[in-house]
Protein backbone atom coordinates (compact mmCIF):
# COMPACT_ATOMS: atom_id res chain seq x y z
CA MET A 1 38.19 59.94 -66.09
CA ILE A 2 35.28 57.49 -64.65
CA ARG A 3 32.85 58.78 -62.16
CA TYR A 4 33.88 57.87 -58.98
CA GLY A 5 30.67 56.10 -57.99
CA VAL A 6 30.57 54.10 -61.22
CA GLY A 7 34.64 52.72 -60.08
CA ALA A 8 33.69 52.23 -56.43
CA LEU A 9 30.67 50.41 -57.42
CA ALA A 10 32.62 48.04 -59.75
CA ILE A 11 35.53 47.76 -57.23
CA LEU A 12 32.80 46.69 -54.65
CA ALA A 13 31.10 44.38 -56.75
CA SER A 14 34.35 43.03 -57.50
CA SER A 15 35.49 42.46 -54.25
CA ILE A 16 32.36 40.96 -52.85
CA GLY A 17 31.88 38.86 -55.54
CA THR A 18 35.81 37.38 -54.99
CA ALA A 19 35.07 36.97 -51.35
CA LEU A 20 31.96 34.90 -51.77
CA ILE A 21 33.78 32.17 -54.26
CA VAL A 22 37.13 32.49 -51.68
CA TYR A 23 34.50 31.84 -48.31
CA GLY A 24 32.17 29.57 -50.52
CA GLY A 25 34.92 27.45 -51.76
CA GLY A 26 36.36 26.80 -48.71
CA PHE A 27 39.70 28.32 -49.15
CA ILE A 28 39.97 30.46 -46.09
CA GLU A 29 37.38 29.88 -42.93
CA PHE A 30 35.00 32.74 -42.47
CA ASP A 31 35.03 35.62 -39.98
CA ILE A 32 33.09 38.15 -39.82
CA VAL A 33 35.53 40.62 -38.87
CA ASN A 34 37.30 40.37 -42.00
CA THR A 35 34.56 40.48 -44.27
CA LEU A 36 35.86 44.27 -43.50
CA SER A 37 38.92 43.83 -45.41
CA TRP A 38 37.08 42.19 -48.36
CA ILE A 39 34.89 45.67 -48.45
CA PHE A 40 37.43 48.58 -47.62
CA GLY A 41 40.43 47.07 -48.98
CA PRO A 42 39.55 47.34 -52.69
CA LEU A 43 37.53 49.97 -52.01
CA GLY A 44 40.59 52.48 -50.01
CA ALA A 45 42.88 51.50 -52.47
CA TYR A 46 40.39 52.94 -55.54
CA THR A 47 39.41 55.96 -53.26
CA LEU A 48 43.15 56.77 -52.75
CA VAL A 49 44.08 55.94 -56.35
CA TYR A 50 41.48 58.07 -57.97
CA GLY A 51 42.33 61.13 -55.09
CA VAL A 52 45.54 61.19 -56.04
CA LEU A 53 44.74 61.39 -59.74
CA SER A 54 41.43 63.58 -59.46
CA GLU A 55 41.71 67.18 -59.90
CA LYS A 56 39.04 67.72 -57.93
CA ASP A 57 38.74 67.20 -54.16
CA SER A 58 41.99 65.12 -54.41
CA VAL A 59 42.34 65.77 -50.55
CA PHE A 60 38.66 64.34 -49.56
CA TYR A 61 38.95 60.98 -51.66
CA SER A 62 42.87 60.61 -50.73
CA ILE A 63 42.04 60.83 -46.98
CA TRP A 64 39.17 58.65 -46.77
CA GLY A 65 41.22 56.40 -48.51
CA VAL A 66 43.47 56.08 -46.24
CA ILE A 67 40.86 55.65 -43.54
CA MET A 68 39.47 52.78 -45.17
CA LEU A 69 42.75 51.37 -45.84
CA GLY A 70 43.92 51.28 -42.34
CA VAL A 71 39.89 49.86 -41.58
CA ALA A 72 41.01 47.41 -43.81
CA VAL A 73 44.50 46.58 -42.05
CA SER A 74 42.80 46.29 -39.07
CA SER A 75 40.14 44.26 -39.61
CA ALA A 76 42.53 41.87 -41.49
CA PHE A 77 45.00 41.65 -38.70
CA TYR A 78 43.34 42.56 -35.79
CA LYS A 79 44.48 38.95 -33.86
CA LEU A 80 47.83 39.92 -34.64
CA ILE A 81 47.97 44.14 -34.23
CA ASN A 82 46.12 45.66 -32.16
CA PRO A 83 43.61 48.44 -33.41
CA LEU A 84 44.83 51.23 -31.53
CA VAL A 85 48.21 50.98 -33.30
CA VAL A 86 46.31 51.14 -36.87
CA LEU A 87 44.44 53.87 -35.63
CA GLY A 88 47.72 55.63 -34.16
CA ILE A 89 49.34 55.04 -37.38
CA LEU A 90 45.68 56.21 -39.80
CA VAL A 91 46.09 59.53 -37.91
CA ILE A 92 49.95 60.17 -38.30
CA ILE A 93 49.47 59.38 -42.23
CA VAL A 94 46.33 61.22 -42.49
CA VAL A 95 48.48 64.15 -40.71
CA MET A 96 51.54 64.07 -42.77
CA LEU A 97 48.91 63.65 -46.38
CA GLY A 98 47.35 66.64 -45.63
CA LEU A 99 50.52 68.23 -44.76
CA VAL A 100 52.47 67.47 -48.00
CA ILE A 101 48.78 68.98 -49.64
CA LYS A 102 48.63 71.65 -48.25
CA GLY A 103 52.79 72.31 -49.34
CA VAL A 104 51.84 71.55 -52.73
CA ARG A 105 49.34 74.01 -53.27
CA GLU A 106 51.33 76.54 -51.46
C-alpha cells in the first residue's frame, strides 16, 4: 500500500487540475465556494478509503475522510442545503463510525 501523503498529493493535484480545466473551459461558472468541494471531495474520499483499508490509524483517517467529505458536500450544495444540516449529519456519522470501530475492536 502506498503511503498516505503520496496518494493524497496525487489526488489533490488531479482534482485541482480537473477543476482548472472545467472552470477554464467554461463548462461551469466559477464559484469560489465550490472550489472547496473540488479539493475536499476527492481528498476526503481517498482519506476515507485509505482509513478503511489501512491497518494503522484507521479511525483517524476514516474520521478525517468523513469530515472532508462533509465539507465538500456542504460547499457544493450550500445554495440548496443549510450547512448546519450537513454539519449535524456529519456529527452523527462520526459518532456512528466511532461506535462501529470501537465495537469491532472489542
